[in-house]
């Protein structure tokens, strides 16, 4: 019996090797005792110790985390409100709003960054923390909308009708019925917005200034001056944080799916 070759699996393995081999190469040399990536010279924590003693880098890490946390939080709030508003619009208007939302998703980051730079220059706003924060909020909102809107579409309208029949006000229906039901989508949108903000370079490069910098911009600046294995150590830590966010997103999605299955099972039991 002849065995068919699974070309799809082979292609997937090749893609993963191409994507992850450079990352593993970078991570491995972050533990090298040498100063370059030409030859591995033995295991050492030297570059991580140097990184922890670099006060400028620690300040930049804190700045990056503050921007990512604030922008993702505000973008999640605005994006969730936007998704609820889009759900209430009619088909033609809804399609138009979704098209405008998707334009920001597919537009090149260079164009978005240049547009923000022109806007801040025209209104006379100094480039720095606030310009970076506003830019990150703006490009994160469409991500949140796309993550939250499918959860709203999955929500049965009978739940809201039942809440209204039981005397719930619109605010109570929103806070006690709708938001808990779409919470997995909201959390997924937050994690995605946080990840996008954490590693954004193109937009941030255009709107940063006045001594304010983020990790992506700082790594780019240092890499242009020569390969420093401290960058490897920092990149390794960033990769681990991103990996933790992806794992968190996976468990949130899994919890949302299991919760939905439980609700369906309960409804089927009631019908029987």
Protein backbone atom coordinates (compact mmCIF):
# COMPACT_ATOMS: atom_id res chain seq x y z
CA UNK A 1 0.00 0.00 0.00
CA UNK A 2 1.43 3.30 -1.06
CA UNK A 3 1.56 6.12 1.45
CA UNK A 4 0.57 9.53 0.16
CA UNK A 5 3.01 12.33 0.84
CA UNK A 6 1.44 15.03 2.97
CA UNK A 7 2.81 18.05 1.14
CA UNK A 8 0.77 20.40 3.33
CA UNK A 9 2.49 19.16 6.50
CA UNK A 10 5.91 19.35 4.85
CA UNK A 11 5.24 22.91 3.71
CA UNK A 12 4.07 23.86 7.22
CA UNK A 13 7.23 22.39 8.79
CA UNK A 14 9.43 24.33 6.33
CA UNK A 15 7.58 27.58 7.09
CA UNK A 16 7.97 27.07 10.84
CA UNK A 17 11.68 26.33 10.43
CA UNK A 18 12.18 29.49 8.37
CA UNK A 19 10.26 31.59 10.90
CA UNK A 20 11.58 30.17 14.17
CA UNK A 21 15.15 29.18 13.36
CA UNK A 22 16.41 32.82 13.29
CA UNK A 23 14.60 33.45 16.59
CA UNK A 24 16.19 30.42 18.20
CA UNK A 25 19.57 31.51 16.79
CA UNK A 26 19.09 34.94 18.35
CA UNK A 27 17.98 33.47 21.69
CA UNK A 28 20.92 31.07 21.78
CA UNK A 29 23.51 33.82 21.32
CA UNK A 30 21.89 35.91 24.05
CA UNK A 31 23.47 33.38 26.45
CA UNK A 32 26.90 33.53 24.80
CA UNK A 33 29.83 34.90 26.78
CA UNK A 34 31.23 36.52 23.65
CA UNK A 35 30.47 39.96 22.26
CA UNK A 36 29.50 39.04 18.71
CA UNK A 37 27.38 36.45 16.92
CA UNK A 38 30.29 35.09 14.91
CA UNK A 39 31.02 32.23 17.31
CA UNK A 40 29.30 30.86 20.40
CA UNK A 41 31.75 31.10 23.31
CA UNK A 42 30.02 29.36 26.20
CA UNK A 43 26.96 29.87 28.37
CA UNK A 44 26.76 33.13 30.31
CA UNK A 45 24.19 35.50 31.84
CA UNK A 46 26.47 38.48 31.17
CA UNK A 47 24.28 40.20 28.60
CA UNK A 48 21.18 39.89 30.78
CA UNK A 49 23.09 41.38 33.72
CA UNK A 50 24.27 44.23 31.48
CA UNK A 51 20.71 44.76 30.32
CA UNK A 52 19.40 45.00 33.90
CA UNK A 53 22.13 47.55 34.73
CA UNK A 54 21.29 49.73 31.71
CA UNK A 55 19.13 52.46 33.26
CA UNK A 56 18.28 54.01 29.90
CA UNK A 57 17.00 50.69 28.58
CA UNK A 58 14.97 50.06 31.75
CA UNK A 59 13.38 53.51 31.33
CA UNK A 60 12.53 52.72 27.71
CA UNK A 61 11.02 49.37 28.76
CA UNK A 62 8.83 51.16 31.31
CA UNK A 63 7.80 53.75 28.71
CA UNK A 64 6.92 51.00 26.24
CA UNK A 65 4.83 49.10 28.80
CA UNK A 66 3.00 52.26 29.90
CA UNK A 67 2.13 53.15 26.30
CA UNK A 68 1.06 49.57 25.53
CA UNK A 69 -1.08 49.22 28.65
CA UNK A 70 -2.79 52.62 28.33
CA UNK A 71 -3.31 52.48 24.56
CA UNK A 72 -4.69 48.94 24.63
CA UNK A 73 -7.01 49.76 27.54
CA UNK A 74 -8.41 52.91 25.93
CA UNK A 75 -8.55 51.27 22.50
CA UNK A 76 -10.47 48.33 24.01
CA UNK A 77 -13.03 50.66 25.58
CA UNK A 78 -13.48 52.74 22.41
CA UNK A 79 -13.36 49.70 20.12
CA UNK A 80 -15.99 47.84 22.17
CA UNK A 81 -18.28 50.88 22.08
CA UNK A 82 -17.66 51.14 18.34
CA UNK A 83 -18.50 47.47 17.79
CA UNK A 84 -21.75 47.88 19.75
CA UNK A 85 -22.60 50.94 17.67
CA UNK A 86 -21.84 49.14 14.40
CA UNK A 87 -24.09 46.26 15.47
CA UNK A 88 -27.03 48.68 15.87
CA UNK A 89 -26.63 50.27 12.42
CA UNK A 90 -28.45 49.15 9.29
CA UNK A 91 -26.81 46.92 6.68
CA UNK A 92 -25.65 49.65 4.26
CA UNK A 93 -24.24 51.87 6.98
CA UNK A 94 -22.74 48.87 8.76
CA UNK A 95 -20.90 47.74 5.64
CA UNK A 96 -19.57 51.27 5.14
CA UNK A 97 -18.32 51.50 8.73
CA UNK A 98 -16.68 48.08 8.50
CA UNK A 99 -15.00 49.11 5.25
CA UNK A 100 -13.55 52.23 6.88
CA UNK A 101 -12.42 50.10 9.81
CA UNK A 102 -10.75 47.56 7.51
CA UNK A 103 -8.96 50.29 5.55
CA UNK A 104 -6.90 51.08 8.66
CA UNK A 105 -6.09 47.38 9.05
CA UNK A 106 -4.73 46.95 5.53
CA UNK A 107 -3.08 50.36 5.15
CA UNK A 108 0.74 50.27 5.29
CA UNK A 109 2.16 51.35 8.63
CA UNK A 110 4.40 53.84 6.86
CA UNK A 111 1.39 55.70 5.48
CA UNK A 112 -0.36 55.69 8.85
CA UNK A 113 2.78 56.93 10.60
CA UNK A 114 3.36 59.68 8.04
CA UNK A 115 -0.30 60.73 8.33
CA UNK A 116 -0.04 61.07 12.10
CA UNK A 117 3.21 62.99 11.75
CA UNK A 118 1.57 65.48 9.37
CA UNK A 119 -1.46 65.80 11.68
CA UNK A 120 0.59 66.47 14.80
CA UNK A 121 2.77 68.95 12.90
CA UNK A 122 -0.26 70.84 11.58
CA UNK A 123 -1.93 71.15 14.99
CA UNK A 124 1.38 72.11 16.61
CA UNK A 125 1.58 69.11 18.94
CA UNK A 126 5.05 68.21 20.19
CA UNK A 127 6.23 64.71 19.40
CA UNK A 128 6.74 62.54 22.44
CA UNK A 129 4.73 60.45 24.86
CA UNK A 130 1.30 61.85 23.96
CA UNK A 131 1.80 61.63 20.21
CA UNK A 132 2.90 57.99 20.52
CA UNK A 133 0.01 57.17 22.86
CA UNK A 134 -2.64 58.72 20.61
CA UNK A 135 -1.20 56.99 17.54
CA UNK A 136 -1.21 53.60 19.25
CA UNK A 137 -4.79 54.07 20.41
CA UNK A 138 -5.85 54.99 16.87
CA UNK A 139 -4.34 51.97 15.10
CA UNK A 140 -5.43 49.58 17.87
CA UNK A 141 -9.14 50.47 17.74
CA UNK A 142 -9.82 48.62 14.43
CA UNK A 143 -8.17 45.50 15.87
CA UNK A 144 -10.48 45.56 18.89
CA UNK A 145 -13.55 46.12 16.70
CA UNK A 146 -12.70 43.07 14.59
CA UNK A 147 -12.21 40.93 17.70
CA UNK A 148 -15.36 42.07 19.53
CA UNK A 149 -17.87 42.30 16.68
CA UNK A 150 -18.03 38.52 15.95
CA UNK A 151 -18.81 37.86 19.63
CA UNK A 152 -21.64 40.40 19.45
CA UNK A 153 -22.98 38.70 16.31
CA UNK A 154 -22.95 35.35 18.14
CA UNK A 155 -24.99 36.79 21.01
CA UNK A 156 -28.61 35.64 20.86
CA UNK A 157 -31.05 38.59 20.77
CA UNK A 158 -33.42 36.57 22.96
CA UNK A 159 -31.07 37.12 25.91
CA UNK A 160 -31.56 40.88 25.73
CA UNK A 161 -35.30 40.44 25.20
CA UNK A 162 -35.48 38.19 28.24
CA UNK A 163 -33.56 40.73 30.32
CA UNK A 164 -35.96 43.48 29.22
CA UNK A 165 -38.99 41.30 30.05
CA UNK A 166 -37.56 40.77 33.53
CA UNK A 167 -37.43 44.53 34.05
CA UNK A 168 -33.76 45.22 33.32
CA UNK A 169 -32.89 48.72 32.19
CA UNK A 170 -30.77 49.24 29.03
CA UNK A 171 -27.74 49.88 31.25
CA UNK A 172 -28.34 46.70 33.24
CA UNK A 173 -28.81 44.70 30.03
CA UNK A 174 -25.49 46.06 28.78
CA UNK A 175 -23.44 45.55 31.94
CA UNK A 176 -25.00 42.32 33.24
CA UNK A 177 -25.91 40.48 30.05
CA UNK A 178 -24.12 41.73 26.95
CA UNK A 179 -20.67 42.62 28.31
CA UNK A 180 -20.22 39.33 30.27
CA UNK A 181 -21.30 37.40 27.16
CA UNK A 182 -18.78 39.12 24.88
CA UNK A 183 -16.03 39.31 27.52
CA UNK A 184 -13.79 36.75 25.72
CA UNK A 185 -13.84 38.94 22.60
CA UNK A 186 -13.07 42.04 24.65
CA UNK A 187 -10.13 40.34 26.38
CA UNK A 188 -8.87 38.98 23.06
CA UNK A 189 -9.05 42.49 21.59
CA UNK A 190 -7.12 43.85 24.57
CA UNK A 191 -4.35 41.26 24.23
CA UNK A 192 -4.08 41.81 20.48
CA UNK A 193 -3.96 45.60 20.91
CA UNK A 194 -1.33 45.22 23.63
CA UNK A 195 0.80 43.00 21.39
CA UNK A 196 0.52 45.34 18.41
CA UNK A 197 1.46 48.34 20.55
CA UNK A 198 4.33 46.52 22.21
CA UNK A 199 6.19 45.68 19.01
CA UNK A 200 5.10 48.51 16.70
CA UNK A 201 7.97 50.25 14.96
CA UNK A 202 6.87 52.01 11.77
CA UNK A 203 4.19 54.26 13.26
CA UNK A 204 6.19 54.94 16.44
CA UNK A 205 9.27 55.84 14.44
CA UNK A 206 7.38 58.71 12.79
CA UNK A 207 5.71 60.16 15.90
CA UNK A 208 8.35 59.75 18.61
CA UNK A 209 10.58 62.59 19.72
CA UNK A 210 11.71 64.86 22.59
CA UNK A 211 13.89 62.12 24.09
CA UNK A 212 11.00 59.65 24.26
CA UNK A 213 11.60 56.22 22.76
CA UNK A 214 10.14 52.72 22.73
CA UNK A 215 11.82 49.33 22.58
CA UNK A 216 11.36 48.80 18.86
CA UNK A 217 12.81 52.20 17.98
CA UNK A 218 15.68 51.78 20.45
CA UNK A 219 16.57 48.32 19.14
CA UNK A 220 16.58 49.68 15.58
CA UNK A 221 18.85 52.57 16.61
CA UNK A 222 21.31 50.29 18.40
CA UNK A 223 21.33 47.71 15.62
CA UNK A 224 22.42 50.38 13.13
CA UNK A 225 25.48 51.03 15.30
CA UNK A 226 26.50 47.37 15.31
CA UNK A 227 25.33 44.03 16.64
CA UNK A 228 25.27 44.06 20.45
CA UNK A 229 24.30 40.86 22.24
CA UNK A 230 22.44 42.98 24.79
CA UNK A 231 19.91 43.43 21.98
CA UNK A 232 19.67 39.64 21.78
CA UNK A 233 18.89 39.47 25.49
CA UNK A 234 16.25 42.18 25.18
CA UNK A 235 14.73 40.56 22.10
CA UNK A 236 14.57 37.24 23.94
CA UNK A 237 12.63 38.81 26.79
CA UNK A 238 10.27 40.50 24.34
CA UNK A 239 9.73 37.19 22.57
CA UNK A 240 8.87 35.49 25.86
CA UNK A 241 6.38 38.25 26.72
CA UNK A 242 4.74 37.93 23.29
CA UNK A 243 4.63 34.15 23.70
CA UNK A 244 2.94 34.55 27.09
CA UNK A 245 0.34 36.87 25.53
CA UNK A 246 -0.38 34.36 22.76
CA UNK A 247 -0.82 31.58 25.33
CA UNK A 248 -3.10 33.85 27.36
CA UNK A 249 -5.15 34.60 24.25
CA UNK A 250 -5.41 30.87 23.52
CA UNK A 251 -6.77 30.04 26.97
CA UNK A 252 -9.22 32.97 26.86
CA UNK A 253 -10.53 31.79 23.49
CA UNK A 254 -10.74 28.23 24.77
CA UNK A 255 -12.64 29.36 27.87
CA UNK A 256 -15.03 31.37 25.71
CA UNK A 257 -15.68 28.36 23.48
CA UNK A 258 -16.29 25.98 26.39
CA UNK A 259 -18.61 28.51 28.02
CA UNK A 260 -20.60 28.81 24.80
CA UNK A 261 -20.90 25.02 24.57
CA UNK A 262 -22.16 24.88 28.15
CA UNK A 263 -24.85 27.45 27.37
CA UNK A 264 -25.93 25.51 24.29
CA UNK A 265 -26.07 22.27 26.30
CA UNK A 266 -28.20 23.90 28.99
CA UNK A 267 -30.61 25.29 26.37
CA UNK A 268 -30.91 21.88 24.70
CA UNK A 269 -31.64 20.32 28.07
CA UNK A 270 -34.37 22.86 28.74
CA UNK A 271 -35.95 22.15 25.38
CA UNK A 272 -36.00 18.43 26.06
